[in-house]
Amino acid sequence: MGRVLNELESGRLLSQYGIPVVQSVVLTLGEEMVLTETAKKLGFPVAMKILSDDIQHKTDLGCVRLQINSVAEMSEAYEEILANAKAGAPEANIQGVLVQQMLPRGFEVLLGVSTDSQFGPVIMVGLGGIYVELLQAVSLRMLPIDRQDAKQMIEETPLEKIYREGLRGVQYDREELIEALLCLSRLVSEHPEIAEIDVNPFVLFGDGKKAVGVDAMVVVNE
């Protein structure tokens, strides 16, 4: 496996290619003034998690806190996350604590790229979140893809019905997902060193509110 970019690096790279990701701030100090400024920038509630190239399973180590609603809770979470990271992964290089906006509930989609030993880079789209492993409802294409490919990929998954009929009264814009797939294709075409991309979930909100990627990981070949 190549080098895994941390969430901040992965998010910045995706953003540069037009794929929206959740707003984030990195904390290296747990001082009240720093926490207050971060809260003003992001608003509450926020999520906090360890930022480290060496820690992939953050939740398992107690390095993720959700639904934080005050500066006092941020301070407590900051100390707790760092302590858990140092206890669970003492050799890990820690860059800080990542603070992210907590988003309202939306419809979760998986976007990704993997490298097949025979066919090379392959792009995928399908149901995200907990449904990925349960339903395995994804569509695949060799890269690069064009707009028609992206449209057909959506049509091959249950996402087509959601775009066509809506869900619980919410209407979704298919073009958002088409553009995200095309952006991923361009990113990998221009950076052949990329071995893997995982954006899960890419959250659709519908009714005019823009979709956004929440958790992102990019792996590059050394």
Protein backbone atom coordinates (compact mmCIF):
# COMPACT_ATOMS: atom_id res chain seq x y z
CA MET A 1 0.00 0.00 0.00
CA GLY A 2 1.22 3.51 -0.81
CA ARG A 3 1.19 6.58 1.38
CA VAL A 4 -2.18 7.42 2.89
CA LEU A 5 -2.90 11.15 2.88
CA ASN A 6 -4.56 12.30 6.09
CA GLU A 7 -8.09 13.68 6.01
CA LEU A 8 -6.98 17.28 5.71
CA GLU A 9 -4.59 16.58 2.81
CA SER A 10 -7.17 14.37 1.10
CA GLY A 11 -9.89 17.00 1.48
CA ARG A 12 -7.68 19.78 0.10
CA LEU A 13 -6.77 17.72 -2.96
CA LEU A 14 -10.40 16.86 -3.68
CA SER A 15 -11.44 20.49 -3.22
CA GLN A 16 -8.83 21.63 -5.74
CA TYR A 17 -10.58 19.48 -8.32
CA GLY A 18 -14.07 20.75 -7.58
CA ILE A 19 -15.29 18.03 -5.21
CA PRO A 20 -16.86 19.78 -2.19
CA VAL A 21 -15.76 18.57 1.24
CA VAL A 22 -16.86 19.51 4.75
CA GLN A 23 -15.22 22.58 6.28
CA SER A 24 -12.41 21.71 8.69
CA VAL A 25 -9.93 23.34 11.07
CA VAL A 26 -6.80 21.76 12.56
CA LEU A 27 -6.09 22.40 16.23
CA THR A 28 -2.59 22.06 17.63
CA LEU A 29 -3.42 23.93 20.84
CA GLY A 30 -6.36 23.36 23.17
CA GLU A 31 -6.33 26.93 24.52
CA GLU A 32 -9.71 28.58 25.06
CA MET A 33 -9.01 31.45 22.66
CA VAL A 34 -8.11 29.04 19.85
CA LEU A 35 -11.16 26.90 20.55
CA THR A 36 -13.42 29.96 20.63
CA GLU A 37 -12.14 31.22 17.28
CA THR A 38 -12.63 27.77 15.77
CA ALA A 39 -16.19 27.62 17.11
CA LYS A 40 -16.93 31.03 15.59
CA LYS A 41 -15.66 29.89 12.22
CA LEU A 42 -17.47 26.55 12.07
CA GLY A 43 -20.44 26.98 14.40
CA PHE A 44 -21.91 24.22 16.56
CA PRO A 45 -22.29 21.29 16.59
CA VAL A 46 -18.86 20.05 15.51
CA ALA A 47 -17.06 16.74 15.30
CA MET A 48 -13.46 16.27 16.47
CA LYS A 49 -11.01 13.53 15.53
CA ILE A 50 -7.30 12.84 15.65
CA LEU A 51 -5.25 13.96 12.64
CA SER A 52 -2.47 11.47 12.01
CA ASP A 53 -1.04 9.74 8.95
CA ASP A 54 -0.43 6.70 11.15
CA ILE A 55 -3.89 6.21 12.68
CA GLN A 56 -6.54 4.86 10.31
CA HIS A 57 -9.06 3.35 12.75
CA LYS A 58 -9.74 6.45 14.81
CA THR A 59 -13.03 5.38 16.32
CA ASP A 60 -11.57 2.12 17.62
CA LEU A 61 -8.99 4.08 19.63
CA GLY A 62 -11.49 6.55 21.05
CA CYS A 63 -10.13 9.34 18.87
CA VAL A 64 -13.46 10.64 17.52
CA ARG A 65 -16.05 12.77 19.31
CA LEU A 66 -19.35 13.83 17.75
CA GLN A 67 -22.09 16.36 18.49
CA ILE A 68 -19.92 18.79 20.45
CA ASN A 69 -21.92 21.88 21.34
CA SER A 70 -19.74 24.21 23.40
CA VAL A 71 -16.16 25.47 23.84
CA ALA A 72 -15.97 23.59 27.15
CA GLU A 73 -16.90 20.33 25.40
CA MET A 74 -14.31 21.08 22.70
CA SER A 75 -11.60 21.51 25.34
CA GLU A 76 -12.54 18.24 27.03
CA ALA A 77 -12.68 16.39 23.70
CA TYR A 78 -9.31 17.79 22.63
CA GLU A 79 -7.54 16.46 25.71
CA GLU A 80 -9.37 13.13 25.60
CA ILE A 81 -8.63 12.51 21.92
CA LEU A 82 -4.93 13.25 22.31
CA ALA A 83 -4.68 11.07 25.42
CA ASN A 84 -6.42 8.15 23.71
CA ALA A 85 -4.25 8.49 20.62
CA LYS A 86 -1.03 8.46 22.64
CA ALA A 87 -2.22 5.49 24.68
CA GLY A 88 -3.51 3.46 21.75
CA ALA A 89 -0.84 4.35 19.19
CA PRO A 90 2.23 5.60 21.09
CA GLU A 91 4.46 5.52 18.00
CA ALA A 92 2.06 7.49 15.80
CA ASN A 93 2.99 10.89 14.41
CA ILE A 94 0.18 13.24 15.44
CA GLN A 95 -0.42 16.46 13.47
CA GLY A 96 -3.21 17.75 15.69
CA VAL A 97 -6.95 17.41 16.18
CA LEU A 98 -9.29 17.97 13.26
CA VAL A 99 -12.51 19.89 13.92
CA GLN A 100 -15.30 19.58 11.34
CA GLN A 101 -18.80 20.92 10.90
CA MET A 102 -21.49 18.44 11.87
CA LEU A 103 -23.85 18.26 8.93
CA PRO A 104 -27.59 17.58 9.01
CA ARG A 105 -28.75 14.15 7.97
CA GLY A 106 -28.74 13.56 4.23
CA PHE A 107 -28.61 10.68 1.76
CA GLU A 108 -25.21 8.98 1.79
CA VAL A 109 -23.41 8.02 -1.41
CA LEU A 110 -20.08 6.27 -1.95
CA LEU A 111 -17.56 7.73 -4.40
CA GLY A 112 -14.28 5.99 -4.94
CA VAL A 113 -11.37 4.96 -7.12
CA SER A 114 -9.32 1.77 -6.85
CA THR A 115 -6.55 0.26 -8.95
CA ASP A 116 -7.18 -3.09 -10.61
CA SER A 117 -4.08 -5.14 -11.39
CA GLN A 118 -5.38 -5.91 -14.89
CA PHE A 119 -7.46 -2.90 -15.89
CA GLY A 120 -5.79 -0.06 -14.00
CA PRO A 121 -7.76 2.71 -12.24
CA VAL A 122 -11.47 2.01 -11.78
CA ILE A 123 -14.08 4.49 -10.54
CA MET A 124 -17.14 3.51 -8.51
CA VAL A 125 -20.37 5.04 -7.28
CA GLY A 126 -23.22 3.62 -5.23
CA LEU A 127 -25.08 3.67 -1.96
CA GLY A 128 -22.87 4.86 0.89
CA GLY A 129 -22.64 4.71 4.66
CA ILE A 130 -23.75 1.46 6.27
CA TYR A 131 -25.34 0.23 3.01
CA VAL A 132 -22.05 -0.27 1.16
CA GLU A 133 -21.26 -3.70 2.60
CA LEU A 134 -24.90 -4.64 3.15
CA LEU A 135 -26.16 -4.13 -0.40
CA GLN A 136 -22.96 -3.82 -2.45
CA ALA A 137 -24.99 -1.59 -4.77
CA VAL A 138 -22.19 0.01 -6.76
CA SER A 139 -21.39 0.61 -10.42
CA LEU A 140 -17.84 0.51 -11.84
CA ARG A 141 -16.07 1.94 -14.90
CA MET A 142 -12.51 2.04 -16.12
CA LEU A 143 -11.03 5.53 -16.12
CA PRO A 144 -11.25 8.02 -17.69
CA ILE A 145 -15.01 8.48 -17.98
CA ASP A 146 -17.19 11.03 -19.79
CA ARG A 147 -20.57 12.52 -18.90
CA GLN A 148 -22.50 9.67 -20.51
CA ASP A 149 -20.50 7.11 -18.53
CA ALA A 150 -21.25 8.94 -15.29
CA LYS A 151 -24.96 9.08 -16.11
CA GLN A 152 -25.06 5.36 -16.92
CA MET A 153 -23.23 4.49 -13.70
CA ILE A 154 -25.94 6.21 -11.68
CA GLU A 155 -28.65 4.45 -13.69
CA GLU A 156 -27.13 1.07 -12.78
CA THR A 157 -27.64 1.61 -9.04
CA PRO A 158 -30.61 2.32 -6.73
CA LEU A 159 -29.55 5.98 -6.92
CA GLU A 160 -31.43 6.21 -10.22
CA LYS A 161 -34.78 5.68 -8.47
CA ILE A 162 -33.91 8.28 -5.84
CA TYR A 163 -33.06 10.87 -8.49
CA ARG A 164 -36.14 10.01 -10.54
CA GLU A 165 -38.71 9.85 -7.74
CA GLY A 166 -37.13 11.71 -4.82
CA LEU A 167 -37.08 10.39 -1.27
CA ARG A 168 -39.50 11.36 1.50
CA GLY A 169 -40.50 14.48 -0.38
CA VAL A 170 -36.91 15.59 -1.09
CA GLN A 171 -35.75 16.06 -4.68
CA TYR A 172 -32.08 15.55 -5.56
CA ASP A 173 -30.00 17.03 -8.37
CA ARG A 174 -28.40 14.29 -10.47
CA GLU A 175 -25.95 16.80 -11.97
CA GLU A 176 -24.15 17.18 -8.62
CA LEU A 177 -23.13 13.53 -8.64
CA ILE A 178 -22.28 13.50 -12.35
CA GLU A 179 -19.94 16.46 -11.82
CA ALA A 180 -18.33 14.81 -8.79
CA LEU A 181 -17.62 11.67 -10.82
CA LEU A 182 -16.13 13.71 -13.67
CA CYS A 183 -13.97 15.63 -11.20
CA LEU A 184 -12.66 12.37 -9.74
CA SER A 185 -11.88 11.12 -13.24
CA ARG A 186 -9.93 14.29 -14.06
CA LEU A 187 -8.07 14.16 -10.73
CA VAL A 188 -6.81 10.62 -11.32
CA SER A 189 -6.03 11.32 -14.98
CA GLU A 190 -3.82 14.24 -13.98
CA HIS A 191 -2.30 12.40 -10.99
CA PRO A 192 -1.52 8.83 -12.12
CA GLU A 193 0.34 8.25 -8.84
CA ILE A 194 -3.03 8.01 -7.08
CA ALA A 195 -3.83 4.40 -6.22
CA GLU A 196 -7.06 4.80 -4.27
CA ILE A 197 -9.71 7.35 -3.33
CA ASP A 198 -12.52 6.79 -0.85
CA VAL A 199 -15.18 9.43 -0.25
CA ASN A 200 -17.73 7.86 2.06
CA PRO A 201 -20.07 9.37 2.71
CA PHE A 202 -20.64 11.92 -0.02
CA VAL A 203 -23.84 13.38 1.41
CA LEU A 204 -26.73 14.52 -0.77
CA PHE A 205 -29.14 17.00 0.80
CA GLY A 206 -31.42 17.85 -2.09
CA ASP A 207 -33.87 20.73 -2.53
CA GLY A 208 -31.10 23.08 -3.61
CA LYS A 209 -28.62 22.41 -0.78
CA LYS A 210 -25.21 21.41 -2.11
CA ALA A 211 -23.81 17.91 -1.60
CA VAL A 212 -20.57 17.54 0.35
CA GLY A 213 -17.99 14.86 1.14
CA VAL A 214 -17.56 14.09 4.84
CA ASP A 215 -14.84 11.43 5.17
CA ALA A 216 -12.16 11.28 2.50
CA MET A 217 -9.02 9.22 2.00
CA VAL A 218 -6.50 9.34 -0.83
CA VAL A 219 -3.69 6.81 -1.23
CA VAL A 220 -0.72 7.61 -3.47
CA ASN A 221 2.01 5.30 -4.69
CA GLU A 222 5.38 6.28 -3.30
